[in-house]
């Protein structure tokens, strides 16, 4: 079964509040077996635009990746996120 991935670009508007989101998302990510492949760090935008932070999260399946995003646990974390950051997120199936 192909893995599922969240691919996100993030722009943080309130760096003091952002750690609250990180703490809140842990419950959903632990429950759904999320593995961070990219979480911040150095990057180079070679075409188009990007946020300040790049994130790639791997899940055991595409369905699990979607279920995590839609879960009550992650939706609670997302409400915090929306107070301090902006993002574009794609959930994609691996090969």
PDB file of N, CA and C in Angstrom:
ATOM      1  N   UNK A   1       0.848  -1.178   0.000  1.00  0.00           N
ATOM      2  CA  UNK A   1       0.000   0.000   0.000  1.00  0.00           C
ATOM      3  C   UNK A   1       0.895   1.243   0.000  1.00  0.00           C
ATOM      4  N   UNK A   2       0.656   2.210  -0.904  1.00  0.00           N
ATOM      5  CA  UNK A   2       1.476   3.425  -0.938  1.00  0.00           C
ATOM      6  C   UNK A   2       1.318   4.258   0.329  1.00  0.00           C
ATOM      7  N   UNK A   3       2.381   4.887   0.716  1.00  0.00           N
ATOM      8  CA  UNK A   3       2.355   5.782   1.870  1.00  0.00           C
ATOM      9  C   UNK A   3       1.622   7.068   1.496  1.00  0.00           C
ATOM     10  N   UNK A   4       1.243   7.834   2.518  1.00  0.00           N
ATOM     11  CA  UNK A   4       0.629   9.143   2.324  1.00  0.00           C
ATOM     12  C   UNK A   4       1.526  10.212   2.906  1.00  0.00           C
ATOM     13  N   UNK A   5       1.459  11.395   2.332  1.00  0.00           N
ATOM     14  CA  UNK A   5       2.325  12.504   2.752  1.00  0.00           C
ATOM     15  C   UNK A   5       1.541  13.795   2.879  1.00  0.00           C
ATOM     16  N   UNK A   6       1.859  14.554   3.916  1.00  0.00           N
ATOM     17  CA  UNK A   6       1.448  15.951   3.968  1.00  0.00           C
ATOM     18  C   UNK A   6       2.649  16.734   3.454  1.00  0.00           C
ATOM     19  N   UNK A   7       2.413  17.627   2.521  1.00  0.00           N
ATOM     20  CA  UNK A   7       3.454  18.501   1.989  1.00  0.00           C
ATOM     21  C   UNK A   7       2.965  19.920   2.242  1.00  0.00           C
ATOM     22  N   UNK A   8       3.711  20.664   3.033  1.00  0.00           N
ATOM     23  CA  UNK A   8       3.232  21.984   3.464  1.00  0.00           C
ATOM     24  C   UNK A   8       4.316  23.041   3.377  1.00  0.00           C
ATOM     25  N   UNK A   9       3.876  24.249   3.086  1.00  0.00           N
ATOM     26  CA  UNK A   9       4.712  25.434   3.250  1.00  0.00           C
ATOM     27  C   UNK A   9       4.024  26.297   4.299  1.00  0.00           C
ATOM     28  N   UNK A  10       4.808  26.817   5.208  1.00  0.00           N
ATOM     29  CA  UNK A  10       4.271  27.531   6.364  1.00  0.00           C
ATOM     30  C   UNK A  10       4.932  28.892   6.490  1.00  0.00           C
ATOM     31  N   UNK A  11       4.130  29.894   6.799  1.00  0.00           N
ATOM     32  CA  UNK A  11       4.633  31.211   7.153  1.00  0.00           C
ATOM     33  C   UNK A  11       4.130  31.524   8.557  1.00  0.00           C
ATOM     34  N   UNK A  12       5.054  31.709   9.481  1.00  0.00           N
ATOM     35  CA  UNK A  12       4.709  31.958  10.879  1.00  0.00           C
ATOM     36  C   UNK A  12       4.506  33.455  11.083  1.00  0.00           C
ATOM     37  N   UNK A  13       3.335  33.835  11.603  1.00  0.00           N
ATOM     38  CA  UNK A  13       3.023  35.230  11.887  1.00  0.00           C
ATOM     39  C   UNK A  13       3.283  35.602  13.345  1.00  0.00           C
ATOM     40  N   UNK A  14       3.161  34.646  14.247  1.00  0.00           N
ATOM     41  CA  UNK A  14       3.337  34.899  15.679  1.00  0.00           C
ATOM     42  C   UNK A  14       4.253  33.825  16.263  1.00  0.00           C
ATOM     43  N   UNK A  15       5.573  34.074  16.263  1.00  0.00           N
ATOM     44  CA  UNK A  15       6.526  33.061  16.734  1.00  0.00           C
ATOM     45  C   UNK A  15       6.350  32.672  18.209  1.00  0.00           C
ATOM     46  N   UNK A  16       5.770  33.557  19.034  1.00  0.00           N
ATOM     47  CA  UNK A  16       5.557  33.221  20.441  1.00  0.00           C
ATOM     48  C   UNK A  16       4.409  32.224  20.603  1.00  0.00           C
ATOM     49  N   UNK A  17       3.432  32.255  19.720  1.00  0.00           N
ATOM     50  CA  UNK A  17       2.266  31.359  19.801  1.00  0.00           C
ATOM     51  C   UNK A  17       2.502  30.034  19.067  1.00  0.00           C
ATOM     52  N   UNK A  18       3.382  30.023  18.077  1.00  0.00           N
ATOM     53  CA  UNK A  18       3.598  28.829  17.262  1.00  0.00           C
ATOM     54  C   UNK A  18       3.961  27.579  18.079  1.00  0.00           C
ATOM     55  N   UNK A  19       4.772  27.680  19.134  1.00  0.00           N
ATOM     56  CA  UNK A  19       5.063  26.484  19.949  1.00  0.00           C
ATOM     57  C   UNK A  19       3.812  25.855  20.569  1.00  0.00           C
ATOM     58  N   UNK A  20       2.772  26.645  20.804  1.00  0.00           N
ATOM     59  CA  UNK A  20       1.520  26.093  21.314  1.00  0.00           C
ATOM     60  C   UNK A  20       0.899  25.141  20.283  1.00  0.00           C
ATOM     61  N   UNK A  21       0.995  25.506  19.008  1.00  0.00           N
ATOM     62  CA  UNK A  21       0.512  24.631  17.945  1.00  0.00           C
ATOM     63  C   UNK A  21       1.333  23.345  17.895  1.00  0.00           C
ATOM     64  N   UNK A  22       2.648  23.470  17.986  1.00  0.00           N
ATOM     65  CA  UNK A  22       3.529  22.288  17.949  1.00  0.00           C
ATOM     66  C   UNK A  22       3.159  21.329  19.083  1.00  0.00           C
ATOM     67  N   UNK A  23       2.922  21.864  20.265  1.00  0.00           N
ATOM     68  CA  UNK A  23       2.547  21.018  21.403  1.00  0.00           C
ATOM     69  C   UNK A  23       1.184  20.367  21.168  1.00  0.00           C
ATOM     70  N   UNK A  24       0.256  21.105  20.589  1.00  0.00           N
ATOM     71  CA  UNK A  24      -1.101  20.594  20.383  1.00  0.00           C
ATOM     72  C   UNK A  24      -1.176  19.530  19.289  1.00  0.00           C
ATOM     73  N   UNK A  25      -0.331  19.631  18.262  1.00  0.00           N
ATOM     74  CA  UNK A  25      -0.446  18.660  17.166  1.00  0.00           C
ATOM     75  C   UNK A  25       0.157  17.292  17.515  1.00  0.00           C
ATOM     76  N   UNK A  26       0.923  17.229  18.572  1.00  0.00           N
ATOM     77  CA  UNK A  26       1.592  15.983  18.951  1.00  0.00           C
ATOM     78  C   UNK A  26       0.612  14.838  19.164  1.00  0.00           C
ATOM     79  N   UNK A  27      -0.535  15.115  19.767  1.00  0.00           N
ATOM     80  CA  UNK A  27      -1.507  14.059  20.044  1.00  0.00           C
ATOM     81  C   UNK A  27      -1.982  13.406  18.742  1.00  0.00           C
ATOM     82  N   UNK A  28      -2.334  14.206  17.750  1.00  0.00           N
ATOM     83  CA  UNK A  28      -2.790  13.654  16.465  1.00  0.00           C
ATOM     84  C   UNK A  28      -1.652  12.934  15.755  1.00  0.00           C
ATOM     85  N   UNK A  29      -0.477  13.542  15.731  1.00  0.00           N
ATOM     86  CA  UNK A  29       0.636  12.934  15.007  1.00  0.00           C
ATOM     87  C   UNK A  29       1.063  11.613  15.645  1.00  0.00           C
ATOM     88  N   UNK A  30       1.042  11.538  16.958  1.00  0.00           N
ATOM     89  CA  UNK A  30       1.354  10.269  17.633  1.00  0.00           C
ATOM     90  C   UNK A  30       0.291   9.219  17.320  1.00  0.00           C
ATOM     91  N   UNK A  31      -0.970   9.599  17.389  1.00  0.00           N
ATOM     92  CA  UNK A  31      -2.082   8.671  17.160  1.00  0.00           C
ATOM     93  C   UNK A  31      -2.042   8.071  15.754  1.00  0.00           C
ATOM     94  N   UNK A  32      -1.677   8.885  14.756  1.00  0.00           N
ATOM     95  CA  UNK A  32      -1.708   8.439  13.363  1.00  0.00           C
ATOM     96  C   UNK A  32      -0.332   8.033  12.816  1.00  0.00           C
ATOM     97  N   UNK A  33       0.660   7.973  13.682  1.00  0.00           N
ATOM     98  CA  UNK A  33       1.976   7.468  13.280  1.00  0.00           C
ATOM     99  C   UNK A  33       2.732   8.379  12.326  1.00  0.00           C
ATOM    100  N   UNK A  34       2.575   9.683  12.469  1.00  0.00           N
ATOM    101  CA  UNK A  34       3.259  10.639  11.593  1.00  0.00           C
ATOM    102  C   UNK A  34       4.768  10.586  11.794  1.00  0.00           C
ATOM    103  N   UNK A  35       5.505  10.673  10.687  1.00  0.00           N
ATOM    104  CA  UNK A  35       6.970  10.726  10.727  1.00  0.00           C
ATOM    105  C   UNK A  35       7.410  11.942   9.918  1.00  0.00           C
ATOM    106  N   UNK A  36       8.106  12.845  10.574  1.00  0.00           N
ATOM    107  CA  UNK A  36       8.579  14.048   9.885  1.00  0.00           C
ATOM    108  C   UNK A  36       9.799  13.712   9.042  1.00  0.00           C
ATOM    109  N   UNK A  37       9.724  13.997   7.768  1.00  0.00           N
ATOM    110  CA  UNK A  37      10.858  13.831   6.860  1.00  0.00           C
ATOM    111  C   UNK A  37      11.556  15.167   6.647  1.00  0.00           C
ATOM    112  N   UNK A  38      10.779  16.234   6.650  1.00  0.00           N
ATOM    113  CA  UNK A  38      11.295  17.600   6.542  1.00  0.00           C
ATOM    114  C   UNK A  38      10.505  18.435   7.541  1.00  0.00           C
ATOM    115  N   UNK A  39      11.210  19.204   8.355  1.00  0.00           N
ATOM    116  CA  UNK A  39      10.545  20.054   9.345  1.00  0.00           C
ATOM    117  C   UNK A  39      11.432  21.263   9.585  1.00  0.00           C
ATOM    118  N   UNK A  40      11.229  22.284   8.748  1.00  0.00           N
ATOM    119  CA  UNK A  40      12.087  23.454   8.852  1.00  0.00           C
ATOM    120  C   UNK A  40      13.429  23.171   8.199  1.00  0.00           C
ATOM    121  N   UNK A  41      14.450  23.834   8.648  1.00  0.00           N
ATOM    122  CA  UNK A  41      15.783  23.618   8.096  1.00  0.00           C
ATOM    123  C   UNK A  41      16.029  24.450   6.849  1.00  0.00           C
ATOM    124  N   UNK A  42      17.207  24.309   6.330  1.00  0.00           N
ATOM    125  CA  UNK A  42      17.624  25.080   5.159  1.00  0.00           C
ATOM    126  C   UNK A  42      16.851  24.632   3.924  1.00  0.00           C
ATOM    127  N   UNK A  43      16.573  25.582   3.037  1.00  0.00           N
ATOM    128  CA  UNK A  43      15.916  25.275   1.767  1.00  0.00           C
ATOM    129  C   UNK A  43      16.256  26.360   0.757  1.00  0.00           C
ATOM    130  N   UNK A  44      16.035  26.053  -0.479  1.00  0.00           N
ATOM    131  CA  UNK A  44      16.236  27.011  -1.564  1.00  0.00           C
ATOM    132  C   UNK A  44      15.028  26.926  -2.486  1.00  0.00           C
ATOM    133  N   UNK A  45      14.348  28.022  -2.674  1.00  0.00           N
ATOM    134  CA  UNK A  45      13.229  28.067  -3.608  1.00  0.00           C
ATOM    135  C   UNK A  45      13.817  28.272  -4.997  1.00  0.00           C
ATOM    136  N   UNK A  46      13.679  27.285  -5.862  1.00  0.00           N
ATOM    137  CA  UNK A  46      14.290  27.351  -7.190  1.00  0.00           C
ATOM    138  C   UNK A  46      13.283  27.727  -8.276  1.00  0.00           C
ATOM    139  N   UNK A  47      11.980  27.664  -7.937  1.00  0.00           N
ATOM    140  CA  UNK A  47      10.943  28.079  -8.880  1.00  0.00           C
ATOM    141  C   UNK A  47       9.673  28.371  -8.091  1.00  0.00           C
ATOM    142  N   UNK A  48       8.995  29.436  -8.414  1.00  0.00           N
ATOM    143  CA  UNK A  48       7.758  29.773  -7.727  1.00  0.00           C
ATOM    144  C   UNK A  48       8.017  30.434  -6.387  1.00  0.00           C
ATOM    145  N   UNK A  49       7.049  30.297  -5.489  1.00  0.00           N
ATOM    146  CA  UNK A  49       7.151  30.904  -4.167  1.00  0.00           C
ATOM    147  C   UNK A  49       7.004  29.830  -3.097  1.00  0.00           C
ATOM    148  N   UNK A  50       7.445  30.144  -1.896  1.00  0.00           N
ATOM    149  CA  UNK A  50       7.297  29.216  -0.780  1.00  0.00           C
ATOM    150  C   UNK A  50       7.141  30.008   0.497  1.00  0.00           C
ATOM    151  N   UNK A  51       6.712  29.328   1.547  1.00  0.00           N
ATOM    152  CA  UNK A  51       6.634  29.945   2.864  1.00  0.00           C
ATOM    153  C   UNK A  51       8.006  29.979   3.510  1.00  0.00           C
ATOM    154  N   UNK A  52       8.028  30.372   4.777  1.00  0.00           N
ATOM    155  CA  UNK A  52       9.282  30.451   5.536  1.00  0.00           C
ATOM    156  C   UNK A  52       9.779  29.072   5.960  1.00  0.00           C
ATOM    157  N   UNK A  53       8.881  28.104   5.983  1.00  0.00           N
ATOM    158  CA  UNK A  53       9.188  26.793   6.563  1.00  0.00           C
ATOM    159  C   UNK A  53       8.586  25.722   5.662  1.00  0.00           C
ATOM    160  N   UNK A  54       9.344  24.683   5.391  1.00  0.00           N
ATOM    161  CA  UNK A  54       8.882  23.572   4.557  1.00  0.00           C
ATOM    162  C   UNK A  54       8.699  22.351   5.449  1.00  0.00           C
ATOM    163  N   UNK A  55       7.612  21.604   5.214  1.00  0.00           N
ATOM    164  CA  UNK A  55       7.314  20.439   6.048  1.00  0.00           C
ATOM    165  C   UNK A  55       6.836  19.294   5.160  1.00  0.00           C
ATOM    166  N   UNK A  56       7.388  18.100   5.382  1.00  0.00           N
ATOM    167  CA  UNK A  56       6.903  16.881   4.732  1.00  0.00           C
ATOM    168  C   UNK A  56       6.732  15.848   5.839  1.00  0.00           C
ATOM    169  N   UNK A  57       5.503  15.317   5.947  1.00  0.00           N
ATOM    170  CA  UNK A  57       5.187  14.333   6.976  1.00  0.00           C
ATOM    171  C   UNK A  57       4.725  13.063   6.286  1.00  0.00           C
ATOM    172  N   UNK A  58       5.288  11.933   6.685  1.00  0.00           N
ATOM    173  CA  UNK A  58       4.938  10.636   6.101  1.00  0.00           C
ATOM    174  C   UNK A  58       3.981   9.871   7.012  1.00  0.00           C
ATOM    175  N   UNK A  59       3.004   9.209   6.390  1.00  0.00           N
ATOM    176  CA  UNK A  59       2.058   8.339   7.079  1.00  0.00           C
ATOM    177  C   UNK A  59       2.078   6.971   6.406  1.00  0.00           C
ATOM    178  N   UNK A  60       1.573   5.962   7.091  1.00  0.00           N
ATOM    179  CA  UNK A  60       1.584   4.610   6.541  1.00  0.00           C
ATOM    180  C   UNK A  60       0.753   4.468   5.267  1.00  0.00           C
ATOM    181  N   UNK A  61      -0.250   5.331   5.092  1.00  0.00           N
ATOM    182  CA  UNK A  61      -1.089   5.267   3.896  1.00  0.00           C
ATOM    183  C   UNK A  61      -1.700   6.634   3.607  1.00  0.00           C
ATOM    184  N   UNK A  62      -2.186   6.791   2.390  1.00  0.00           N
ATOM    185  CA  UNK A  62      -2.901   7.998   1.972  1.00  0.00           C
ATOM    186  C   UNK A  62      -4.142   8.202   2.845  1.00  0.00           C
ATOM    187  N   UNK A  63      -4.851   7.111   3.130  1.00  0.00           N
ATOM    188  CA  UNK A  63      -6.058   7.202   3.959  1.00  0.00           C
ATOM    189  C   UNK A  63      -5.717   7.654   5.378  1.00  0.00           C
ATOM    190  N   UNK A  64      -4.621   7.158   5.921  1.00  0.00           N
ATOM    191  CA  UNK A  64      -4.199   7.559   7.265  1.00  0.00           C
ATOM    192  C   UNK A  64      -3.819   9.037   7.286  1.00  0.00           C
ATOM    193  N   UNK A  65      -3.152   9.505   6.241  1.00  0.00           N
ATOM    194  CA  UNK A  65      -2.774  10.924   6.160  1.00  0.00           C
ATOM    195  C   UNK A  65      -4.019  11.805   6.156  1.00  0.00           C
ATOM    196  N   UNK A  66      -5.021  11.418   5.386  1.00  0.00           N
ATOM    197  CA  UNK A  66      -6.267  12.191   5.343  1.00  0.00           C
ATOM    198  C   UNK A  66      -7.011  12.120   6.673  1.00  0.00           C
ATOM    199  N   UNK A  67      -7.044  10.928   7.277  1.00  0.00           N
ATOM    200  CA  UNK A  67      -7.737  10.766   8.554  1.00  0.00           C
ATOM    201  C   UNK A  67      -7.099  11.612   9.649  1.00  0.00           C
ATOM    202  N   UNK A  68      -5.783  11.705   9.654  1.00  0.00           N
ATOM    203  CA  UNK A  68      -5.104  12.527  10.646  1.00  0.00           C
ATOM    204  C   UNK A  68      -5.515  13.988  10.507  1.00  0.00           C
ATOM    205  N   UNK A  69      -5.489  14.494   9.278  1.00  0.00           N
ATOM    206  CA  UNK A  69      -5.842  15.906   9.074  1.00  0.00           C
ATOM    207  C   UNK A  69      -7.276  16.188   9.519  1.00  0.00           C
ATOM    208  N   UNK A  70      -8.156  15.278   9.271  1.00  0.00           N
ATOM    209  CA  UNK A  70      -9.585  15.476   9.569  1.00  0.00           C
ATOM    210  C   UNK A  70      -9.961  15.101  10.998  1.00  0.00           C
ATOM    211  N   UNK A  71      -9.023  14.543  11.753  1.00  0.00           N
ATOM    212  CA  UNK A  71      -9.313  14.069  13.109  1.00  0.00           C
ATOM    213  C   UNK A  71      -9.646  15.217  14.053  1.00  0.00           C
ATOM    214  N   UNK A  72     -10.452  14.939  15.081  1.00  0.00           N
ATOM    215  CA  UNK A  72     -10.740  15.978  16.084  1.00  0.00           C
ATOM    216  C   UNK A  72      -9.468  16.494  16.755  1.00  0.00           C
ATOM    217  N   UNK A  73      -8.492  15.604  16.949  1.00  0.00           N
ATOM    218  CA  UNK A  73      -7.245  16.014  17.601  1.00  0.00           C
ATOM    219  C   UNK A  73      -6.503  17.043  16.751  1.00  0.00           C
ATOM    220  N   UNK A  74      -6.394  16.774  15.443  1.00  0.00           N
ATOM    221  CA  UNK A  74      -5.670  17.726  14.610  1.00  0.00           C
ATOM    222  C   UNK A  74      -6.485  18.995  14.368  1.00  0.00           C
ATOM    223  N   UNK A  75      -7.777  18.873  14.248  1.00  0.00           N
ATOM    224  CA  UNK A  75      -8.603  20.061  14.043  1.00  0.00           C
ATOM    225  C   UNK A  75      -8.497  21.016  15.230  1.00  0.00           C
ATOM    226  N   UNK A  76      -8.353  20.482  16.444  1.00  0.00           N
ATOM    227  CA  UNK A  76      -8.132  21.332  17.624  1.00  0.00           C
ATOM    228  C   UNK A  76      -6.786  22.052  17.509  1.00  0.00           C
ATOM    229  N   UNK A  77      -5.751  21.336  17.078  1.00  0.00           N
ATOM    230  CA  UNK A  77      -4.436  21.956  16.886  1.00  0.00           C
ATOM    231  C   UNK A  77      -4.491  22.999  15.773  1.00  0.00           C
ATOM    232  N   UNK A  78      -5.242  22.705  14.724  1.00  0.00           N
ATOM    233  CA  UNK A  78      -5.348  23.622  13.596  1.00  0.00           C
ATOM    234  C   UNK A  78      -5.974  24.955  13.997  1.00  0.00           C
ATOM    235  N   UNK A  79      -6.908  24.925  14.931  1.00  0.00           N
ATOM    236  CA  UNK A  79      -7.495  26.187  15.412  1.00  0.00           C
ATOM    237  C   UNK A  79      -6.420  27.067  16.058  1.00  0.00           C
ATOM    238  N   UNK A  80      -5.485  26.463  16.761  1.00  0.00           N
ATOM    239  CA  UNK A  80      -4.359  27.224  17.327  1.00  0.00           C
ATOM    240  C   UNK A  80      -3.461  27.720  16.202  1.00  0.00           C
ATOM    241  N   UNK A  81      -3.153  26.841  15.248  1.00  0.00           N
ATOM    242  CA  UNK A  81      -2.297  27.201  14.126  1.00  0.00           C
ATOM    243  C   UNK A  81      -2.816  28.450  13.419  1.00  0.00           C
ATOM    244  N   UNK A  82      -4.107  28.495  13.185  1.00  0.00           N
ATOM    245  CA  UNK A  82      -4.691  29.606  12.431  1.00  0.00           C
ATOM    246  C   UNK A  82      -4.564  30.946  13.138  1.00  0.00           C
ATOM    247  N   UNK A  83      -4.255  30.942  14.449  1.00  0.00           N
ATOM    248  CA  UNK A  83      -4.043  32.201  15.166  1.00  0.00           C
ATOM    249  C   UNK A  83      -2.614  32.727  15.003  1.00  0.00           C
ATOM    250  N   UNK A  84      -1.703  31.875  14.470  1.00  0.00           N
ATOM    251  CA  UNK A  84      -0.298  32.283  14.472  1.00  0.00           C
ATOM    252  C   UNK A  84       0.449  32.027  13.166  1.00  0.00           C
ATOM    253  N   UNK A  85      -0.178  31.376  12.202  1.00  0.00           N
ATOM    254  CA  UNK A  85       0.560  31.034  10.980  1.00  0.00           C
ATOM    255  C   UNK A  85      -0.400  30.827   9.814  1.00  0.00           C
ATOM    256  N   UNK A  86       0.176  30.823   8.622  1.00  0.00           N
ATOM    257  CA  UNK A  86      -0.547  30.534   7.394  1.00  0.00           C
ATOM    258  C   UNK A  86       0.170  29.375   6.696  1.00  0.00           C
ATOM    259  N   UNK A  87      -0.594  28.615   5.907  1.00  0.00           N
ATOM    260  CA  UNK A  87       0.041  27.494   5.220  1.00  0.00           C
ATOM    261  C   UNK A  87      -0.720  27.105   3.965  1.00  0.00           C
ATOM    262  N   UNK A  88      -0.021  26.358   3.135  1.00  0.00           N
ATOM    263  CA  UNK A  88      -0.609  25.606   2.040  1.00  0.00           C
ATOM    264  C   UNK A  88      -0.257  24.152   2.339  1.00  0.00           C
ATOM    265  N   UNK A  89      -1.255  23.278   2.287  1.00  0.00           N
ATOM    266  CA  UNK A  89      -1.035  21.871   2.605  1.00  0.00           C
ATOM    267  C   UNK A  89      -1.652  21.014   1.508  1.00  0.00           C
ATOM    268  N   UNK A  90      -0.888  20.048   1.043  1.00  0.00           N
ATOM    269  CA  UNK A  90      -1.357  19.063   0.086  1.00  0.00           C
ATOM    270  C   UNK A  90      -1.166  17.696   0.749  1.00  0.00           C
ATOM    271  N   UNK A  91      -2.172  16.829   0.613  1.00  0.00           N
ATOM    272  CA  UNK A  91      -2.018  15.446   1.051  1.00  0.00           C
ATOM    273  C   UNK A  91      -1.879  14.620  -0.224  1.00  0.00           C
ATOM    274  N   UNK A  92      -0.752  13.907  -0.353  1.00  0.00           N
ATOM    275  CA  UNK A  92      -0.449  13.185  -1.582  1.00  0.00           C
ATOM    276  C   UNK A  92      -0.161  11.722  -1.302  1.00  0.00           C
ATOM    277  N   UNK A  93      -0.488  10.886  -2.268  1.00  0.00           N
ATOM    278  CA  UNK A  93      -0.189   9.462  -2.183  1.00  0.00           C
ATOM    279  C   UNK A  93       1.200   9.222  -2.744  1.00  0.00           C
ATOM    280  N   UNK A  94       1.982   8.418  -2.055  1.00  0.00           N
ATOM    281  CA  UNK A  94       3.328   8.079  -2.517  1.00  0.00           C
ATOM    282  C   UNK A  94       3.298   7.037  -3.620  1.00  0.00           C
ATOM    283  N   UNK A  95       4.478   6.737  -4.130  1.00  0.00           N
ATOM    284  CA  UNK A  95       4.590   5.726  -5.191  1.00  0.00           C
ATOM    285  C   UNK A  95       5.162   4.438  -4.630  1.00  0.00           C
TER     286      UNK A  95
END
